[in-house]
C-alpha cells in the first residue's frame, strides 16, 4: 500500500540498524525483510546461526520480542546458514575488517 510505504521503510531501517548492532559477532551475510498484510518476515543469513539462536532458542525469541517492541508489528524471524562463508563477499569483508582492527589494536598496546 502506497500510504504505508514511508512507515514500512522507516521500520525496515530500524530493523536493519538494530540487527547490525545486536549481531556483530554472528557473521551476518544479509537481512531480507518481506511484508504481507498480517506480519513482517525477517530472514537473516549468517555463517554462525548458533550465535543468533542461542541455547535452546532463547536468544532468537528475545530478539523477536525486541524487534516487535521496536517497530510495533508482528515479526517472524528465520535464520538461514551460509554454507560456505568464504564465498560470501559481506562475510569476507567483515573478517578482513575485524583482523585489521585486531592488528591495529594490538600495535597500540
PDB file of N, CA and C in Angstrom:
ATOM      1  N   UNK A   1       0.846  -1.176   0.000  1.00  0.00           N
ATOM      2  CA  UNK A   1       0.000   0.000   0.000  1.00  0.00           C
ATOM      3  C   UNK A   1       0.894   1.242   0.000  1.00  0.00           C
ATOM      4  N   UNK A   2       0.641   2.149  -0.926  1.00  0.00           N
ATOM      5  CA  UNK A   2       1.466   3.356  -1.055  1.00  0.00           C
ATOM      6  C   UNK A   2       1.366   4.267   0.158  1.00  0.00           C
ATOM      7  N   UNK A   3       0.240   4.247   0.862  1.00  0.00           N
ATOM      8  CA  UNK A   3       0.072   5.107   2.036  1.00  0.00           C
ATOM      9  C   UNK A   3       0.973   4.675   3.188  1.00  0.00           C
ATOM     10  N   UNK A   4       1.298   3.393   3.260  1.00  0.00           N
ATOM     11  CA  UNK A   4       2.128   2.866   4.347  1.00  0.00           C
ATOM     12  C   UNK A   4       3.599   2.740   3.971  1.00  0.00           C
ATOM     13  N   UNK A   5       3.961   3.153   2.776  1.00  0.00           N
ATOM     14  CA  UNK A   5       5.332   2.946   2.302  1.00  0.00           C
ATOM     15  C   UNK A   5       6.361   3.609   3.203  1.00  0.00           C
ATOM     16  N   UNK A   6       6.135   4.853   3.569  1.00  0.00           N
ATOM     17  CA  UNK A   6       7.109   5.584   4.402  1.00  0.00           C
ATOM     18  C   UNK A   6       7.255   4.926   5.770  1.00  0.00           C
ATOM     19  N   UNK A   7       6.138   4.508   6.356  1.00  0.00           N
ATOM     20  CA  UNK A   7       6.180   3.847   7.662  1.00  0.00           C
ATOM     21  C   UNK A   7       6.947   2.527   7.569  1.00  0.00           C
ATOM     22  N   UNK A   8       6.669   1.747   6.516  1.00  0.00           N
ATOM     23  CA  UNK A   8       7.344   0.459   6.346  1.00  0.00           C
ATOM     24  C   UNK A   8       8.841   0.653   6.095  1.00  0.00           C
ATOM     25  N   UNK A   9       9.200   1.630   5.294  1.00  0.00           N
ATOM     26  CA  UNK A   9      10.604   1.906   5.020  1.00  0.00           C
ATOM     27  C   UNK A   9      11.328   2.318   6.299  1.00  0.00           C
ATOM     28  N   UNK A  10      10.701   3.159   7.089  1.00  0.00           N
ATOM     29  CA  UNK A  10      11.297   3.582   8.360  1.00  0.00           C
ATOM     30  C   UNK A  10      11.473   2.388   9.296  1.00  0.00           C
ATOM     31  N   UNK A  11      10.472   1.509   9.363  1.00  0.00           N
ATOM     32  CA  UNK A  11      10.582   0.311  10.199  1.00  0.00           C
ATOM     33  C   UNK A  11      11.674  -0.621   9.698  1.00  0.00           C
ATOM     34  N   UNK A  12      11.815  -0.752   8.374  1.00  0.00           N
ATOM     35  CA  UNK A  12      12.878  -1.585   7.808  1.00  0.00           C
ATOM     36  C   UNK A  12      14.254  -1.060   8.200  1.00  0.00           C
ATOM     37  N   UNK A  13      14.416   0.247   8.160  1.00  0.00           N
ATOM     38  CA  UNK A  13      15.691   0.865   8.546  1.00  0.00           C
ATOM     39  C   UNK A  13      15.966   0.612  10.031  1.00  0.00           C
ATOM     40  N   UNK A  14      14.942   0.736  10.870  1.00  0.00           N
ATOM     41  CA  UNK A  14      15.102   0.464  12.301  1.00  0.00           C
ATOM     42  C   UNK A  14      15.513  -0.988  12.534  1.00  0.00           C
ATOM     43  N   UNK A  15      14.848  -1.919  11.821  1.00  0.00           N
ATOM     44  CA  UNK A  15      15.151  -3.344  11.978  1.00  0.00           C
ATOM     45  C   UNK A  15      16.596  -3.624  11.579  1.00  0.00           C
ATOM     46  N   UNK A  16      17.020  -3.122  10.412  1.00  0.00           N
ATOM     47  CA  UNK A  16      18.383  -3.376   9.940  1.00  0.00           C
ATOM     48  C   UNK A  16      19.442  -2.788  10.871  1.00  0.00           C
ATOM     49  N   UNK A  17      19.237  -1.574  11.342  1.00  0.00           N
ATOM     50  CA  UNK A  17      20.240  -0.965  12.220  1.00  0.00           C
ATOM     51  C   UNK A  17      20.275  -1.674  13.576  1.00  0.00           C
ATOM     52  N   UNK A  18      19.124  -2.082  14.093  1.00  0.00           N
ATOM     53  CA  UNK A  18      19.090  -2.826  15.352  1.00  0.00           C
ATOM     54  C   UNK A  18      19.817  -4.153  15.217  1.00  0.00           C
ATOM     55  N   UNK A  19      19.545  -4.880  14.125  1.00  0.00           N
ATOM     56  CA  UNK A  19      20.193  -6.173  13.922  1.00  0.00           C
ATOM     57  C   UNK A  19      21.693  -6.016  13.680  1.00  0.00           C
ATOM     58  N   UNK A  20      22.102  -4.959  13.014  1.00  0.00           N
ATOM     59  CA  UNK A  20      23.531  -4.729  12.789  1.00  0.00           C
ATOM     60  C   UNK A  20      24.260  -4.549  14.117  1.00  0.00           C
ATOM     61  N   UNK A  21      23.636  -3.838  15.059  1.00  0.00           N
ATOM     62  CA  UNK A  21      24.251  -3.637  16.369  1.00  0.00           C
ATOM     63  C   UNK A  21      24.252  -4.920  17.196  1.00  0.00           C
ATOM     64  N   UNK A  22      23.130  -5.611  17.209  1.00  0.00           N
ATOM     65  CA  UNK A  22      22.974  -6.792  18.058  1.00  0.00           C
ATOM     66  C   UNK A  22      23.755  -8.005  17.563  1.00  0.00           C
ATOM     67  N   UNK A  23      23.948  -8.128  16.251  1.00  0.00           N
ATOM     68  CA  UNK A  23      24.521  -9.351  15.684  1.00  0.00           C
ATOM     69  C   UNK A  23      25.899  -9.135  15.078  1.00  0.00           C
ATOM     70  N   UNK A  24      26.710  -8.301  15.701  1.00  0.00           N
ATOM     71  CA  UNK A  24      28.062  -8.043  15.202  1.00  0.00           C
ATOM     72  C   UNK A  24      28.897  -9.319  15.132  1.00  0.00           C
ATOM     73  N   UNK A  25      28.744 -10.183  16.108  1.00  0.00           N
ATOM     74  CA  UNK A  25      29.566 -11.387  16.219  1.00  0.00           C
ATOM     75  C   UNK A  25      29.031 -12.568  15.408  1.00  0.00           C
ATOM     76  N   UNK A  26      27.890 -12.413  14.759  1.00  0.00           N
ATOM     77  CA  UNK A  26      27.216 -13.548  14.128  1.00  0.00           C
ATOM     78  C   UNK A  26      27.568 -13.744  12.655  1.00  0.00           C
ATOM     79  N   UNK A  27      28.449 -12.942  12.087  1.00  0.00           N
ATOM     80  CA  UNK A  27      28.840 -13.050  10.678  1.00  0.00           C
ATOM     81  C   UNK A  27      27.611 -13.038   9.775  1.00  0.00           C
ATOM     82  N   UNK A  28      26.832 -11.958   9.846  1.00  0.00           N
ATOM     83  CA  UNK A  28      25.608 -11.831   9.059  1.00  0.00           C
ATOM     84  C   UNK A  28      25.961 -11.460   7.621  1.00  0.00           C
ATOM     85  N   UNK A  29      25.467 -12.270   6.680  1.00  0.00           N
ATOM     86  CA  UNK A  29      25.712 -12.018   5.263  1.00  0.00           C
ATOM     87  C   UNK A  29      24.652 -11.076   4.689  1.00  0.00           C
ATOM     88  N   UNK A  30      23.399 -11.293   5.055  1.00  0.00           N
ATOM     89  CA  UNK A  30      22.329 -10.417   4.563  1.00  0.00           C
ATOM     90  C   UNK A  30      21.098 -10.528   5.443  1.00  0.00           C
ATOM     91  N   UNK A  31      20.263  -9.510   5.329  1.00  0.00           N
ATOM     92  CA  UNK A  31      18.984  -9.472   6.039  1.00  0.00           C
ATOM     93  C   UNK A  31      17.917  -9.183   4.994  1.00  0.00           C
ATOM     94  N   UNK A  32      16.952 -10.080   4.880  1.00  0.00           N
ATOM     95  CA  UNK A  32      15.866  -9.925   3.915  1.00  0.00           C
ATOM     96  C   UNK A  32      14.587  -9.674   4.701  1.00  0.00           C
ATOM     97  N   UNK A  33      13.897  -8.574   4.355  1.00  0.00           N
ATOM     98  CA  UNK A  33      12.653  -8.226   5.038  1.00  0.00           C
ATOM     99  C   UNK A  33      11.523  -8.295   4.017  1.00  0.00           C
ATOM    100  N   UNK A  34      10.527  -9.133   4.324  1.00  0.00           N
ATOM    101  CA  UNK A  34       9.359  -9.285   3.461  1.00  0.00           C
ATOM    102  C   UNK A  34       8.122  -8.969   4.287  1.00  0.00           C
ATOM    103  N   UNK A  35       7.173  -8.335   3.653  1.00  0.00           N
ATOM    104  CA  UNK A  35       5.953  -7.945   4.361  1.00  0.00           C
ATOM    105  C   UNK A  35       4.726  -8.489   3.654  1.00  0.00           C
ATOM    106  N   UNK A  36       3.742  -8.863   4.464  1.00  0.00           N
ATOM    107  CA  UNK A  36       2.408  -9.114   3.950  1.00  0.00           C
ATOM    108  C   UNK A  36       1.443  -8.364   4.852  1.00  0.00           C
ATOM    109  N   UNK A  37       0.166  -8.546   4.656  1.00  0.00           N
ATOM    110  CA  UNK A  37      -0.801  -7.752   5.420  1.00  0.00           C
ATOM    111  C   UNK A  37      -0.804  -8.078   6.908  1.00  0.00           C
ATOM    112  N   UNK A  38      -0.413  -9.305   7.263  1.00  0.00           N
ATOM    113  CA  UNK A  38      -0.517  -9.726   8.655  1.00  0.00           C
ATOM    114  C   UNK A  38       0.765  -9.560   9.451  1.00  0.00           C
ATOM    115  N   UNK A  39       1.918  -9.750   8.817  1.00  0.00           N
ATOM    116  CA  UNK A  39       3.157  -9.738   9.588  1.00  0.00           C
ATOM    117  C   UNK A  39       4.350  -9.354   8.716  1.00  0.00           C
ATOM    118  N   UNK A  40       5.481  -9.227   9.383  1.00  0.00           N
ATOM    119  CA  UNK A  40       6.750  -8.911   8.736  1.00  0.00           C
ATOM    120  C   UNK A  40       7.668 -10.116   8.920  1.00  0.00           C
ATOM    121  N   UNK A  41       8.192 -10.646   7.819  1.00  0.00           N
ATOM    122  CA  UNK A  41       9.109 -11.784   7.871  1.00  0.00           C
ATOM    123  C   UNK A  41      10.534 -11.282   7.696  1.00  0.00           C
ATOM    124  N   UNK A  42      11.404 -11.593   8.649  1.00  0.00           N
ATOM    125  CA  UNK A  42      12.803 -11.197   8.593  1.00  0.00           C
ATOM    126  C   UNK A  42      13.637 -12.471   8.484  1.00  0.00           C
ATOM    127  N   UNK A  43      14.401 -12.581   7.394  1.00  0.00           N
ATOM    128  CA  UNK A  43      15.279 -13.723   7.189  1.00  0.00           C
ATOM    129  C   UNK A  43      16.716 -13.245   7.327  1.00  0.00           C
ATOM    130  N   UNK A  44      17.456 -13.868   8.241  1.00  0.00           N
ATOM    131  CA  UNK A  44      18.843 -13.494   8.496  1.00  0.00           C
ATOM    132  C   UNK A  44      19.729 -14.618   7.982  1.00  0.00           C
ATOM    133  N   UNK A  45      20.606 -14.294   7.039  1.00  0.00           N
ATOM    134  CA  UNK A  45      21.562 -15.271   6.520  1.00  0.00           C
ATOM    135  C   UNK A  45      22.879 -15.052   7.242  1.00  0.00           C
ATOM    136  N   UNK A  46      23.345 -16.104   7.927  1.00  0.00           N
ATOM    137  CA  UNK A  46      24.513 -15.969   8.788  1.00  0.00           C
ATOM    138  C   UNK A  46      25.415 -17.188   8.681  1.00  0.00           C
ATOM    139  N   UNK A  47      26.713 -16.954   8.847  1.00  0.00           N
ATOM    140  CA  UNK A  47      27.670 -18.053   8.885  1.00  0.00           C
ATOM    141  C   UNK A  47      27.709 -18.705  10.265  1.00  0.00           C
ATOM    142  N   UNK A  48      27.205 -18.001  11.264  1.00  0.00           N
ATOM    143  CA  UNK A  48      27.194 -18.515  12.636  1.00  0.00           C
ATOM    144  C   UNK A  48      25.771 -18.448  13.209  1.00  0.00           C
ATOM    145  N   UNK A  49      24.874 -19.299  12.733  1.00  0.00           N
ATOM    146  CA  UNK A  49      23.488 -19.219  13.211  1.00  0.00           C
ATOM    147  C   UNK A  49      23.335 -19.551  14.696  1.00  0.00           C
ATOM    148  N   UNK A  50      24.240 -20.341  15.243  1.00  0.00           N
ATOM    149  CA  UNK A  50      24.169 -20.688  16.665  1.00  0.00           C
ATOM    150  C   UNK A  50      24.319 -19.485  17.574  1.00  0.00           C
ATOM    151  N   UNK A  51      25.081 -18.497  17.126  1.00  0.00           N
ATOM    152  CA  UNK A  51      25.261 -17.273  17.912  1.00  0.00           C
ATOM    153  C   UNK A  51      23.935 -16.513  18.004  1.00  0.00           C
ATOM    154  N   UNK A  52      23.164 -16.530  16.930  1.00  0.00           N
ATOM    155  CA  UNK A  52      21.882 -15.814  16.899  1.00  0.00           C
ATOM    156  C   UNK A  52      20.819 -16.586  17.676  1.00  0.00           C
ATOM    157  N   UNK A  53      20.775 -17.894  17.485  1.00  0.00           N
ATOM    158  CA  UNK A  53      19.717 -18.712  18.078  1.00  0.00           C
ATOM    159  C   UNK A  53      19.908 -18.867  19.580  1.00  0.00           C
ATOM    160  N   UNK A  54      21.134 -19.103  20.014  1.00  0.00           N
ATOM    161  CA  UNK A  54      21.414 -19.257  21.440  1.00  0.00           C
ATOM    162  C   UNK A  54      21.025 -20.637  21.949  1.00  0.00           C
ATOM    163  N   UNK A  55      21.244 -20.857  23.220  1.00  0.00           N
ATOM    164  CA  UNK A  55      20.921 -22.149  23.832  1.00  0.00           C
ATOM    165  C   UNK A  55      19.413 -22.333  23.901  1.00  0.00           C
ATOM    166  N   UNK A  56      18.940 -23.397  23.295  1.00  0.00           N
ATOM    167  CA  UNK A  56      17.518 -23.719  23.356  1.00  0.00           C
ATOM    168  C   UNK A  56      16.622 -22.716  22.660  1.00  0.00           C
ATOM    169  N   UNK A  57      17.177 -21.861  21.824  1.00  0.00           N
ATOM    170  CA  UNK A  57      16.370 -20.879  21.104  1.00  0.00           C
ATOM    171  C   UNK A  57      15.980 -19.665  21.927  1.00  0.00           C
ATOM    172  N   UNK A  58      16.621 -19.483  23.068  1.00  0.00           N
ATOM    173  CA  UNK A  58      16.281 -18.355  23.945  1.00  0.00           C
ATOM    174  C   UNK A  58      16.600 -17.010  23.303  1.00  0.00           C
ATOM    175  N   UNK A  59      17.775 -16.921  22.679  1.00  0.00           N
ATOM    176  CA  UNK A  59      18.204 -15.634  22.113  1.00  0.00           C
ATOM    177  C   UNK A  59      17.349 -15.207  20.932  1.00  0.00           C
ATOM    178  N   UNK A  60      16.926 -16.151  20.105  1.00  0.00           N
ATOM    179  CA  UNK A  60      16.111 -15.796  18.941  1.00  0.00           C
ATOM    180  C   UNK A  60      14.743 -15.296  19.392  1.00  0.00           C
ATOM    181  N   UNK A  61      14.209 -15.885  20.438  1.00  0.00           N
ATOM    182  CA  UNK A  61      12.906 -15.438  20.959  1.00  0.00           C
ATOM    183  C   UNK A  61      13.032 -14.040  21.555  1.00  0.00           C
ATOM    184  N   UNK A  62      14.113 -13.798  22.283  1.00  0.00           N
ATOM    185  CA  UNK A  62      14.362 -12.470  22.856  1.00  0.00           C
ATOM    186  C   UNK A  62      14.531 -11.433  21.743  1.00  0.00           C
ATOM    187  N   UNK A  63      15.260 -11.803  20.689  1.00  0.00           N
ATOM    188  CA  UNK A  63      15.473 -10.912  19.552  1.00  0.00           C
ATOM    189  C   UNK A  63      14.145 -10.572  18.878  1.00  0.00           C
ATOM    190  N   UNK A  64      13.294 -11.583  18.693  1.00  0.00           N
ATOM    191  CA  UNK A  64      11.993 -11.367  18.058  1.00  0.00           C
ATOM    192  C   UNK A  64      11.132 -10.421  18.891  1.00  0.00           C
ATOM    193  N   UNK A  65      11.135 -10.606  20.201  1.00  0.00           N
ATOM    194  CA  UNK A  65      10.346  -9.736  21.075  1.00  0.00           C
ATOM    195  C   UNK A  65      10.865  -8.303  21.058  1.00  0.00           C
ATOM    196  N   UNK A  66      12.180  -8.119  21.031  1.00  0.00           N
ATOM    197  CA  UNK A  66      12.749  -6.772  20.975  1.00  0.00           C
ATOM    198  C   UNK A  66      12.403  -6.083  19.656  1.00  0.00           C
ATOM    199  N   UNK A  67      12.443  -6.837  18.550  1.00  0.00           N
ATOM    200  CA  UNK A  67      12.067  -6.273  17.261  1.00  0.00           C
ATOM    201  C   UNK A  67      10.590  -5.894  17.236  1.00  0.00           C
ATOM    202  N   UNK A  68       9.764  -6.731  17.837  1.00  0.00           N
ATOM    203  CA  UNK A  68       8.328  -6.453  17.890  1.00  0.00           C
ATOM    204  C   UNK A  68       8.059  -5.155  18.650  1.00  0.00           C
ATOM    205  N   UNK A  69       8.773  -4.963  19.768  1.00  0.00           N
ATOM    206  CA  UNK A  69       8.631  -3.722  20.544  1.00  0.00           C
ATOM    207  C   UNK A  69       9.131  -2.519  19.751  1.00  0.00           C
ATOM    208  N   UNK A  70      10.234  -2.706  19.030  1.00  0.00           N
ATOM    209  CA  UNK A  70      10.868  -1.609  18.299  1.00  0.00           C
ATOM    210  C   UNK A  70       9.954  -1.036  17.218  1.00  0.00           C
ATOM    211  N   UNK A  71       9.304  -1.909  16.446  1.00  0.00           N
ATOM    212  CA  UNK A  71       8.509  -1.428  15.300  1.00  0.00           C
ATOM    213  C   UNK A  71       7.011  -1.545  15.522  1.00  0.00           C
ATOM    214  N   UNK A  72       6.572  -2.237  16.555  1.00  0.00           N
ATOM    215  CA  UNK A  72       5.147  -2.328  16.832  1.00  0.00           C
ATOM    216  C   UNK A  72       4.379  -3.183  15.842  1.00  0.00           C
ATOM    217  N   UNK A  73       5.030  -4.195  15.271  1.00  0.00           N
ATOM    218  CA  UNK A  73       4.381  -5.102  14.326  1.00  0.00           C
ATOM    219  C   UNK A  73       4.657  -6.533  14.753  1.00  0.00           C
ATOM    220  N   UNK A  74       3.859  -7.459  14.220  1.00  0.00           N
ATOM    221  CA  UNK A  74       4.117  -8.870  14.432  1.00  0.00           C
ATOM    222  C   UNK A  74       5.273  -9.276  13.523  1.00  0.00           C
ATOM    223  N   UNK A  75       6.334  -9.840  14.108  1.00  0.00           N
ATOM    224  CA  UNK A  75       7.538 -10.158  13.341  1.00  0.00           C
ATOM    225  C   UNK A  75       7.856 -11.636  13.475  1.00  0.00           C
ATOM    226  N   UNK A  76       8.182 -12.246  12.350  1.00  0.00           N
ATOM    227  CA  UNK A  76       8.628 -13.634  12.319  1.00  0.00           C
ATOM    228  C   UNK A  76      10.076 -13.639  11.859  1.00  0.00           C
ATOM    229  N   UNK A  77      10.968 -14.231  12.647  1.00  0.00           N
ATOM    230  CA  UNK A  77      12.397 -14.240  12.340  1.00  0.00           C
ATOM    231  C   UNK A  77      12.812 -15.661  11.972  1.00  0.00           C
ATOM    232  N   UNK A  78      13.507 -15.793  10.849  1.00  0.00           N
ATOM    233  CA  UNK A  78      14.071 -17.093  10.481  1.00  0.00           C
ATOM    234  C   UNK A  78      15.557 -16.915  10.197  1.00  0.00           C
ATOM    235  N   UNK A  79      16.313 -17.963  10.494  1.00  0.00           N
ATOM    236  CA  UNK A  79      17.764 -17.938  10.330  1.00  0.00           C
ATOM    237  C   UNK A  79      18.143 -18.955   9.266  1.00  0.00           C
ATOM    238  N   UNK A  80      18.980 -18.534   8.321  1.00  0.00           N
ATOM    239  CA  UNK A  80      19.479 -19.417   7.273  1.00  0.00           C
ATOM    240  C   UNK A  80      21.000 -19.445   7.379  1.00  0.00           C
ATOM    241  N   UNK A  81      21.559 -20.642   7.391  1.00  0.00           N
ATOM    242  CA  UNK A  81      23.008 -20.775   7.496  1.00  0.00           C
ATOM    243  C   UNK A  81      23.658 -20.601   6.132  1.00  0.00           C
ATOM    244  N   UNK A  82      24.728 -19.813   6.084  1.00  0.00           N
ATOM    245  CA  UNK A  82      25.537 -19.678   4.879  1.00  0.00           C
ATOM    246  C   UNK A  82      26.521 -20.841   4.899  1.00  0.00           C
ATOM    247  N   UNK A  83      26.391 -21.731   3.933  1.00  0.00           N
ATOM    248  CA  UNK A  83      27.178 -22.974   3.941  1.00  0.00           C
ATOM    249  C   UNK A  83      28.676 -22.725   3.734  1.00  0.00           C
ATOM    250  N   UNK A  84      29.022 -21.831   2.803  1.00  0.00           N
ATOM    251  CA  UNK A  84      30.430 -21.565   2.527  1.00  0.00           C
ATOM    252  C   UNK A  84      30.696 -20.068   2.694  1.00  0.00           C
ATOM    253  N   UNK A  85      31.022 -19.633   3.904  1.00  0.00           N
ATOM    254  CA  UNK A  85      31.196 -18.200   4.162  1.00  0.00           C
ATOM    255  C   UNK A  85      32.367 -17.576   3.410  1.00  0.00           C
ATOM    256  N   UNK A  86      33.321 -18.396   2.959  1.00  0.00           N
ATOM    257  CA  UNK A  86      34.467 -17.843   2.222  1.00  0.00           C
ATOM    258  C   UNK A  86      34.074 -17.358   0.834  1.00  0.00           C
ATOM    259  N   UNK A  87      32.903 -17.712   0.369  1.00  0.00           N
ATOM    260  CA  UNK A  87      32.433 -17.270  -0.944  1.00  0.00           C
ATOM    261  C   UNK A  87      31.459 -16.099  -0.851  1.00  0.00           C
ATOM    262  N   UNK A  88      31.196 -15.618   0.353  1.00  0.00           N
ATOM    263  CA  UNK A  88      30.269 -14.511   0.544  1.00  0.00           C
ATOM    264  C   UNK A  88      31.057 -13.227   0.785  1.00  0.00           C
ATOM    265  N   UNK A  89      30.873 -12.240  -0.082  1.00  0.00           N
ATOM    266  CA  UNK A  89      31.660 -11.006  -0.031  1.00  0.00           C
ATOM    267  C   UNK A  89      31.462 -10.236   1.279  1.00  0.00           C
ATOM    268  N   UNK A  90      30.249 -10.175   1.779  1.00  0.00           N
ATOM    269  CA  UNK A  90      29.974  -9.435   3.011  1.00  0.00           C
ATOM    270  C   UNK A  90      30.730 -10.042   4.194  1.00  0.00           C
ATOM    271  N   UNK A  91      30.694 -11.354   4.302  1.00  0.00           N
ATOM    272  CA  UNK A  91      31.366 -12.024   5.421  1.00  0.00           C
ATOM    273  C   UNK A  91      32.876 -11.906   5.297  1.00  0.00           C
ATOM    274  N   UNK A  92      33.408 -12.036   4.089  1.00  0.00           N
ATOM    275  CA  UNK A  92      34.852 -11.882   3.878  1.00  0.00           C
ATOM    276  C   UNK A  92      35.285 -10.468   4.269  1.00  0.00           C
ATOM    277  N   UNK A  93      34.504  -9.466   3.867  1.00  0.00           N
ATOM    278  CA  UNK A  93      34.832  -8.077   4.200  1.00  0.00           C
ATOM    279  C   UNK A  93      34.801  -7.853   5.714  1.00  0.00           C
ATOM    280  N   UNK A  94      33.810  -8.439   6.398  1.00  0.00           N
ATOM    281  CA  UNK A  94      33.736  -8.311   7.856  1.00  0.00           C
ATOM    282  C   UNK A  94      34.948  -8.950   8.527  1.00  0.00           C
ATOM    283  N   UNK A  95      35.352 -10.108   8.028  1.00  0.00           N
ATOM    284  CA  UNK A  95      36.514 -10.790   8.602  1.00  0.00           C
ATOM    285  C   UNK A  95      37.799  -9.989   8.399  1.00  0.00           C
ATOM    286  N   UNK A  96      37.965  -9.391   7.218  1.00  0.00           N
ATOM    287  CA  UNK A  96      39.150  -8.568   6.950  1.00  0.00           C
ATOM    288  C   UNK A  96      39.163  -7.350   7.875  1.00  0.00           C
ATOM    289  N   UNK A  97      38.017  -6.697   8.007  1.00  0.00           N
ATOM    290  CA  UNK A  97      37.934  -5.522   8.873  1.00  0.00           C
ATOM    291  C   UNK A  97      38.233  -5.890  10.323  1.00  0.00           C
ATOM    292  N   UNK A  98      37.745  -7.034  10.760  1.00  0.00           N
ATOM    293  CA  UNK A  98      37.999  -7.486  12.127  1.00  0.00           C
ATOM    294  C   UNK A  98      39.480  -7.759  12.356  1.00  0.00           C
ATOM    295  N   UNK A  99      40.140  -8.388  11.389  1.00  0.00           N
ATOM    296  CA  UNK A  99      41.576  -8.668  11.506  1.00  0.00           C
ATOM    297  C   UNK A  99      42.393  -7.380  11.519  1.00  0.00           C
ATOM    298  N   UNK A 100      42.032  -6.421  10.664  1.00  0.00           N
ATOM    299  CA  UNK A 100      42.739  -5.139  10.645  1.00  0.00           C
ATOM    300  C   UNK A 100      42.567  -4.434  11.989  1.00  0.00           C
ATOM    301  N   UNK A 101      41.346  -4.449  12.508  1.00  0.00           N
ATOM    302  CA  UNK A 101      41.077  -3.819  13.795  1.00  0.00           C
ATOM    303  C   UNK A 101      41.897  -4.474  14.907  1.00  0.00           C
ATOM    304  N   UNK A 102      41.959  -5.802  14.911  1.00  0.00           N
ATOM    305  CA  UNK A 102      42.737  -6.507  15.933  1.00  0.00           C
ATOM    306  C   UNK A 102      44.225  -6.163  15.832  1.00  0.00           C
ATOM    307  N   UNK A 103      44.749  -6.092  14.599  1.00  0.00           N
ATOM    308  CA  UNK A 103      46.160  -5.759  14.415  1.00  0.00           C
ATOM    309  C   UNK A 103      46.467  -4.346  14.878  1.00  0.00           C
ATOM    310  N   UNK A 104      45.610  -3.393  14.550  1.00  0.00           N
ATOM    311  CA  UNK A 104      45.814  -2.006  14.967  1.00  0.00           C
ATOM    312  C   UNK A 104      45.726  -1.902  16.470  1.00  0.00           C
ATOM    313  N   UNK A 105      44.763  -2.610  17.045  1.00  0.00           N
ATOM    314  CA  UNK A 105      44.587  -2.574  18.482  1.00  0.00           C
ATOM    315  C   UNK A 105      45.784  -3.178  19.214  1.00  0.00           C
ATOM    316  N   UNK A 106      46.326  -4.267  18.702  1.00  0.00           N
ATOM    317  CA  UNK A 106      47.485  -4.894  19.338  1.00  0.00           C
ATOM    318  C   UNK A 106      48.731  -4.033  19.214  1.00  0.00           C
ATOM    319  N   UNK A 107      48.885  -3.296  18.108  1.00  0.00           N
ATOM    320  CA  UNK A 107      50.041  -2.412  17.927  1.00  0.00           C
ATOM    321  C   UNK A 107      49.977  -1.220  18.870  1.00  0.00           C
ATOM    322  N   UNK A 108      48.762  -0.791  19.223  1.00  0.00           N
ATOM    323  CA  UNK A 108      48.609   0.347  20.119  1.00  0.00           C
ATOM    324  C   UNK A 108      48.971  -0.008  21.558  1.00  0.00           C
ATOM    325  N   UNK A 109      48.883  -1.292  21.882  1.00  0.00           N
ATOM    326  CA  UNK A 109      49.205  -1.713  23.251  1.00  0.00           C
ATOM    327  C   UNK A 109      50.666  -1.905  23.337  1.00  0.00           C
TER     328      UNK A 109
END
